[in-house]
């Protein structure tokens, strides 16, 4: 098999995704360093670097670009090239964000995996199960018009169906995070959701120190943030993500066109709960929620 350059253009990403992707490629018969080459590029949480990184990949004419960290890296890659196939690892509402024309017929050079915007609403529902008196939720989100629009839709649904008020606290750069967290502290929300974003993931230690010191129940997209002390995470099953991306890469390397490969949505979601954190917050996790958890950290 011809050696290929499959290149990651990723900001921060859970290490398990990279390791799992490599293992899935091996299961499909690829041998790294012989039949496939993988390089990982990171913007280190700085979205302003993404256009530069994407342009580098386009100039090298790599075979495939895989993007992670929400929508921002996919947008940068698509601006850099209209010919190199782009596989989304973790986009949010790809159609609504303008990344593809439709799920069934994405068109252009972008395909892969996308998470429906209803995930945010589901996270709010779960928080309300953990804290029935929940009325006000702070959403920590990187400044991104597409992501803000998605959360605005969740805001309307939460107000109408759950009687929960959402407030958004935007972060444009790592330096701005401390100010956003202090604004959240001053607002005194009943809970906080950390939006899926590479910048916020890079700064996870600072965020977790804040939530524990402020005693705010917190919801995350990355399960390892719960391992590190966060209260709860609800996200697509990691195994399904990296196996799905590996399948897309395999089909593209065998000649499929991204425009013809339907975008996939996750069918399994993982709930991870940290009981030690719950006890420190004075929360009793309902048995009905514990039974649905993929993992419970004692």
Protein backbone atom coordinates (compact mmCIF):
# COMPACT_ATOMS: atom_id res chain seq x y z
CA UNK A 1 0.00 0.00 0.00
CA UNK A 2 1.27 3.45 -0.86
CA UNK A 3 2.48 5.50 2.09
CA UNK A 4 0.15 8.35 2.89
CA UNK A 5 0.26 11.60 4.84
CA UNK A 6 -2.78 11.77 7.08
CA UNK A 7 -2.29 15.01 8.99
CA UNK A 8 -4.04 16.23 12.10
CA UNK A 9 -4.66 19.98 12.19
CA UNK A 10 -5.81 20.02 15.76
CA UNK A 11 -5.87 22.41 18.67
CA UNK A 12 -6.01 20.64 22.04
CA UNK A 13 -7.54 17.20 21.94
CA UNK A 14 -8.12 14.42 24.44
CA UNK A 15 -5.10 12.12 24.17
CA UNK A 16 -7.40 9.07 24.21
CA UNK A 17 -8.86 10.19 20.88
CA UNK A 18 -5.45 10.25 19.19
CA UNK A 19 -4.42 6.91 20.68
CA UNK A 20 -7.75 5.34 19.81
CA UNK A 21 -7.61 6.65 16.25
CA UNK A 22 -4.16 5.14 15.76
CA UNK A 23 -5.38 1.80 17.14
CA UNK A 24 -8.42 1.87 14.85
CA UNK A 25 -6.20 2.45 11.82
CA UNK A 26 -4.09 -0.54 12.84
CA UNK A 27 -7.27 -2.62 13.04
CA UNK A 28 -7.99 -1.57 9.46
CA UNK A 29 -4.59 -2.79 8.33
CA UNK A 30 -2.57 0.44 8.27
CA UNK A 31 0.97 0.46 9.60
CA UNK A 32 2.14 3.85 10.81
CA UNK A 33 5.48 4.79 9.30
CA UNK A 34 5.05 2.28 6.46
CA UNK A 35 1.61 2.56 4.89
CA UNK A 36 0.42 5.69 6.62
CA UNK A 37 2.04 8.76 8.15
CA UNK A 38 0.40 10.78 10.91
CA UNK A 39 1.47 14.21 12.07
CA UNK A 40 -0.21 16.21 14.81
CA UNK A 41 -0.27 19.98 14.63
CA UNK A 42 -1.58 22.01 17.56
CA UNK A 43 -2.65 25.62 17.81
CA UNK A 44 -2.25 25.20 21.60
CA UNK A 45 -5.63 26.76 22.26
CA UNK A 46 -4.90 29.84 20.13
CA UNK A 47 -7.51 29.92 17.35
CA UNK A 48 -5.68 32.78 15.63
CA UNK A 49 -2.96 30.29 14.63
CA UNK A 50 -5.34 27.94 12.85
CA UNK A 51 -5.38 29.73 9.45
CA UNK A 52 -1.57 29.61 9.38
CA UNK A 53 -1.49 25.90 10.23
CA UNK A 54 -4.20 25.10 7.71
CA UNK A 55 -2.34 27.01 5.00
CA UNK A 56 0.81 24.99 5.76
CA UNK A 57 -1.08 21.74 5.27
CA UNK A 58 -2.69 22.92 2.06
CA UNK A 59 0.70 23.97 0.67
CA UNK A 60 2.12 20.53 1.42
CA UNK A 61 -0.78 18.88 -0.43
CA UNK A 62 -1.37 16.28 2.26
CA UNK A 63 -3.88 13.54 1.50
CA UNK A 64 -6.32 14.25 4.32
CA UNK A 65 -6.76 16.86 7.03
CA UNK A 66 -8.54 15.80 10.22
CA UNK A 67 -9.94 18.62 12.33
CA UNK A 68 -10.95 18.65 15.99
CA UNK A 69 -11.87 21.13 18.65
CA UNK A 70 -15.37 22.12 17.57
CA UNK A 71 -15.98 24.06 14.34
CA UNK A 72 -13.20 26.62 14.31
CA UNK A 73 -10.45 24.35 12.96
CA UNK A 74 -12.75 22.98 10.23
CA UNK A 75 -13.60 26.49 9.09
CA UNK A 76 -9.90 27.35 8.93
CA UNK A 77 -9.09 24.20 6.95
CA UNK A 78 -11.94 24.76 4.50
CA UNK A 79 -10.75 28.31 3.84
CA UNK A 80 -7.25 26.98 3.13
CA UNK A 81 -8.28 24.29 0.65
CA UNK A 82 -11.29 23.26 -1.43
CA UNK A 83 -9.65 20.10 -2.79
CA UNK A 84 -7.99 18.22 0.09
CA UNK A 85 -10.54 16.05 1.93
CA UNK A 86 -11.30 17.31 5.44
CA UNK A 87 -12.65 14.93 8.09
CA UNK A 88 -14.37 16.55 11.09
CA UNK A 89 -13.70 14.74 14.35
CA UNK A 90 -15.86 16.82 16.67
CA UNK A 91 -17.88 19.48 14.89
CA UNK A 92 -21.06 20.93 16.38
CA UNK A 93 -24.20 21.13 14.21
CA UNK A 94 -22.25 21.03 10.95
CA UNK A 95 -25.19 22.00 8.74
CA UNK A 96 -26.29 24.94 10.88
CA UNK A 97 -22.67 26.08 11.15
CA UNK A 98 -22.34 26.09 7.36
CA UNK A 99 -19.64 23.42 7.26
CA UNK A 100 -21.60 21.11 4.94
CA UNK A 101 -24.67 21.45 2.72
CA UNK A 102 -26.55 18.57 4.35
CA UNK A 103 -25.80 15.47 6.39
CA UNK A 104 -26.74 13.09 3.59
CA UNK A 105 -24.93 14.99 0.83
CA UNK A 106 -22.27 17.18 2.41
CA UNK A 107 -20.93 18.49 -0.91
CA UNK A 108 -17.52 20.15 -1.16
CA UNK A 109 -14.51 18.61 0.54
CA UNK A 110 -15.76 18.30 4.14
CA UNK A 111 -17.33 15.25 5.80
CA UNK A 112 -16.96 13.37 9.08
CA UNK A 113 -18.72 13.47 12.44
CA UNK A 114 -20.95 16.12 13.95
CA UNK A 115 -22.77 16.51 17.25
CA UNK A 116 -26.36 17.81 17.14
CA UNK A 117 -27.10 21.11 18.84
CA UNK A 118 -29.57 19.29 21.12
CA UNK A 119 -26.60 18.04 23.13
CA UNK A 120 -26.42 21.36 24.99
CA UNK A 121 -30.07 21.09 25.96
CA UNK A 122 -29.52 17.54 27.17
CA UNK A 123 -26.65 18.71 29.37
CA UNK A 124 -28.94 21.27 30.97
CA UNK A 125 -31.55 18.57 31.59
CA UNK A 126 -28.97 16.40 33.32
CA UNK A 127 -27.85 19.27 35.53
CA UNK A 128 -31.45 19.82 36.53
CA UNK A 129 -31.74 16.16 37.51
CA UNK A 130 -28.67 16.55 39.71
CA UNK A 131 -29.90 19.82 41.20
CA UNK A 132 -33.72 20.04 40.96
CA UNK A 133 -33.74 23.65 42.17
CA UNK A 134 -31.61 24.71 39.21
CA UNK A 135 -32.73 28.06 37.78
CA UNK A 136 -29.63 29.87 36.45
CA UNK A 137 -26.82 28.30 34.41
CA UNK A 138 -23.63 30.01 33.25
CA UNK A 139 -22.24 28.91 29.89
CA UNK A 140 -18.49 29.42 29.48
CA UNK A 141 -17.88 29.63 25.73
CA UNK A 142 -15.13 30.85 23.44
CA UNK A 143 -16.08 33.83 21.27
CA UNK A 144 -17.42 32.14 18.14
CA UNK A 145 -20.53 33.41 16.29
CA UNK A 146 -21.48 29.91 15.10
CA UNK A 147 -21.20 28.40 18.59
CA UNK A 148 -23.03 31.33 20.15
CA UNK A 149 -25.92 30.84 17.72
CA UNK A 150 -26.14 27.17 18.64
CA UNK A 151 -26.24 27.97 22.36
CA UNK A 152 -28.85 30.68 21.75
CA UNK A 153 -31.19 27.99 20.42
CA UNK A 154 -30.54 25.89 23.51
CA UNK A 155 -31.26 28.98 25.60
CA UNK A 156 -34.74 29.39 24.14
CA UNK A 157 -35.56 25.72 24.67
CA UNK A 158 -34.24 25.75 28.23
CA UNK A 159 -36.31 28.79 29.16
CA UNK A 160 -39.51 27.41 27.64
CA UNK A 161 -39.26 23.76 28.63
CA UNK A 162 -37.10 23.68 31.76
CA UNK A 163 -37.65 27.20 33.15
CA UNK A 164 -33.88 27.61 33.30
CA UNK A 165 -32.15 30.91 32.49
CA UNK A 166 -28.84 30.73 30.59
CA UNK A 167 -26.16 33.42 30.70
CA UNK A 168 -23.15 33.42 28.34
CA UNK A 169 -19.62 34.32 29.35
CA UNK A 170 -17.36 34.58 26.31
CA UNK A 171 -13.59 34.11 26.23
CA UNK A 172 -11.56 35.45 23.30
CA UNK A 173 -8.08 34.48 24.52
CA UNK A 174 -6.40 32.66 27.42
CA UNK A 175 -5.71 36.02 29.06
CA UNK A 176 -9.44 36.75 29.14
CA UNK A 177 -10.39 33.56 30.97
CA UNK A 178 -9.76 34.90 34.47
CA UNK A 179 -12.08 37.87 33.84
CA UNK A 180 -14.83 35.58 32.53
CA UNK A 181 -14.55 33.32 35.56
CA UNK A 182 -14.74 36.27 37.95
CA UNK A 183 -17.84 37.48 36.11
CA UNK A 184 -19.37 34.03 36.62
CA UNK A 185 -18.49 34.14 40.32
CA UNK A 186 -20.22 37.53 40.63
CA UNK A 187 -23.33 36.23 38.81
CA UNK A 188 -23.69 33.38 41.34
CA UNK A 189 -25.20 30.80 38.97
CA UNK A 190 -26.64 27.51 40.21
CA UNK A 191 -24.41 25.58 37.77
CA UNK A 192 -21.94 26.07 34.95
CA UNK A 193 -21.39 24.40 31.57
CA UNK A 194 -17.96 24.48 29.95
CA UNK A 195 -18.52 24.53 26.21
CA UNK A 196 -16.58 22.21 23.89
CA UNK A 197 -13.62 24.27 22.71
CA UNK A 198 -9.85 23.76 22.43
CA UNK A 199 -9.03 27.03 24.17
CA UNK A 200 -11.13 26.07 27.19
CA UNK A 201 -9.75 22.54 27.21
CA UNK A 202 -6.22 23.90 27.24
CA UNK A 203 -7.12 25.97 30.29
CA UNK A 204 -8.95 23.15 32.07
CA UNK A 205 -6.79 23.23 35.21
CA UNK A 206 -7.62 26.88 35.82
CA UNK A 207 -11.31 26.24 35.16
CA UNK A 208 -11.46 23.28 37.54
CA UNK A 209 -9.66 25.22 40.29
CA UNK A 210 -12.29 27.92 39.90
CA UNK A 211 -15.34 25.65 39.97
CA UNK A 212 -14.12 23.79 43.05
CA UNK A 213 -13.18 26.99 44.92
CA UNK A 214 -16.48 28.66 43.98
CA UNK A 215 -18.44 25.44 44.72
CA UNK A 216 -20.28 25.55 41.41
CA UNK A 217 -21.66 22.30 39.93
CA UNK A 218 -20.00 21.95 36.53
CA UNK A 219 -20.83 20.11 33.33
CA UNK A 220 -18.15 19.24 30.74
CA UNK A 221 -17.77 17.72 27.28
CA UNK A 222 -14.40 16.07 28.00
CA UNK A 223 -14.66 13.07 30.41
CA UNK A 224 -11.09 13.53 31.62
CA UNK A 225 -12.11 16.84 33.18
CA UNK A 226 -14.34 14.82 35.51
CA UNK A 227 -11.42 12.51 36.27
CA UNK A 228 -9.55 15.66 37.31
CA UNK A 229 -12.30 16.88 39.65
CA UNK A 230 -15.20 18.15 37.55
CA UNK A 231 -18.69 17.05 38.57
CA UNK A 232 -20.14 15.57 35.41
CA UNK A 233 -19.49 15.11 31.70
CA UNK A 234 -21.91 14.17 28.95
CA UNK A 235 -20.54 13.66 25.46
CA UNK A 236 -20.45 11.27 22.51
CA UNK A 237 -18.71 7.95 23.24
CA UNK A 238 -15.00 8.43 22.54
CA UNK A 239 -14.64 4.95 21.05
CA UNK A 240 -17.30 5.72 18.45
CA UNK A 241 -15.58 9.00 17.52
CA UNK A 242 -12.12 7.64 16.80
CA UNK A 243 -13.41 4.49 15.12
CA UNK A 244 -15.72 6.59 12.96
CA UNK A 245 -12.92 8.94 11.90
CA UNK A 246 -10.70 5.97 11.05
CA UNK A 247 -13.45 4.57 8.81
CA UNK A 248 -13.74 7.91 7.01
CA UNK A 249 -9.98 8.04 6.47
CA UNK A 250 -9.95 4.47 5.15
CA UNK A 251 -12.72 5.14 2.65
CA UNK A 252 -11.16 8.38 1.45
CA UNK A 253 -7.74 6.78 0.98
CA UNK A 254 -9.44 4.08 -1.08
CA UNK A 255 -10.91 6.66 -3.46
CA UNK A 256 -14.21 7.83 -2.00
CA UNK A 257 -15.10 11.51 -2.38
CA UNK A 258 -15.94 13.53 0.74
CA UNK A 259 -18.90 15.12 -1.04
CA UNK A 260 -20.48 11.66 -1.30
CA UNK A 261 -19.81 10.42 2.24
CA UNK A 262 -22.75 11.25 4.53
CA UNK A 263 -21.89 13.08 7.73
CA UNK A 264 -22.48 10.86 10.76
CA UNK A 265 -23.98 11.76 14.13
CA UNK A 266 -23.19 9.87 17.35
CA UNK A 267 -25.66 7.27 18.51
CA UNK A 268 -24.05 6.59 21.90
CA UNK A 269 -23.32 9.12 24.62
CA UNK A 270 -21.28 8.72 27.78
CA UNK A 271 -22.25 10.07 31.18
CA UNK A 272 -19.38 10.32 33.68
CA UNK A 273 -19.99 11.43 37.29
CA UNK A 274 -17.54 12.25 40.08
CA UNK A 275 -19.19 11.27 43.36
CA UNK A 276 -16.38 12.76 45.45
CA UNK A 277 -17.04 16.15 43.86
CA UNK A 278 -20.79 15.70 44.29
CA UNK A 279 -20.34 15.06 48.03
CA UNK A 280 -18.12 18.14 48.37
CA UNK A 281 -20.93 20.18 46.81
CA UNK A 282 -23.56 18.64 49.08
CA UNK A 283 -25.29 16.96 46.13
CA UNK A 284 -26.94 13.56 46.28
CA UNK A 285 -26.89 11.98 42.83
CA UNK A 286 -30.23 10.24 42.12
CA UNK A 287 -29.98 6.49 41.61
CA UNK A 288 -31.75 6.89 38.27
CA UNK A 289 -28.86 9.04 37.04
CA UNK A 290 -26.16 6.77 38.47
CA UNK A 291 -27.63 3.81 36.64
CA UNK A 292 -27.25 5.67 33.34
CA UNK A 293 -23.61 6.57 33.95
CA UNK A 294 -20.88 4.96 31.88
CA UNK A 295 -18.43 5.61 34.72
CA UNK A 296 -18.83 6.70 38.33
CA UNK A 297 -15.70 8.03 40.02
CA UNK A 298 -15.70 7.30 43.75
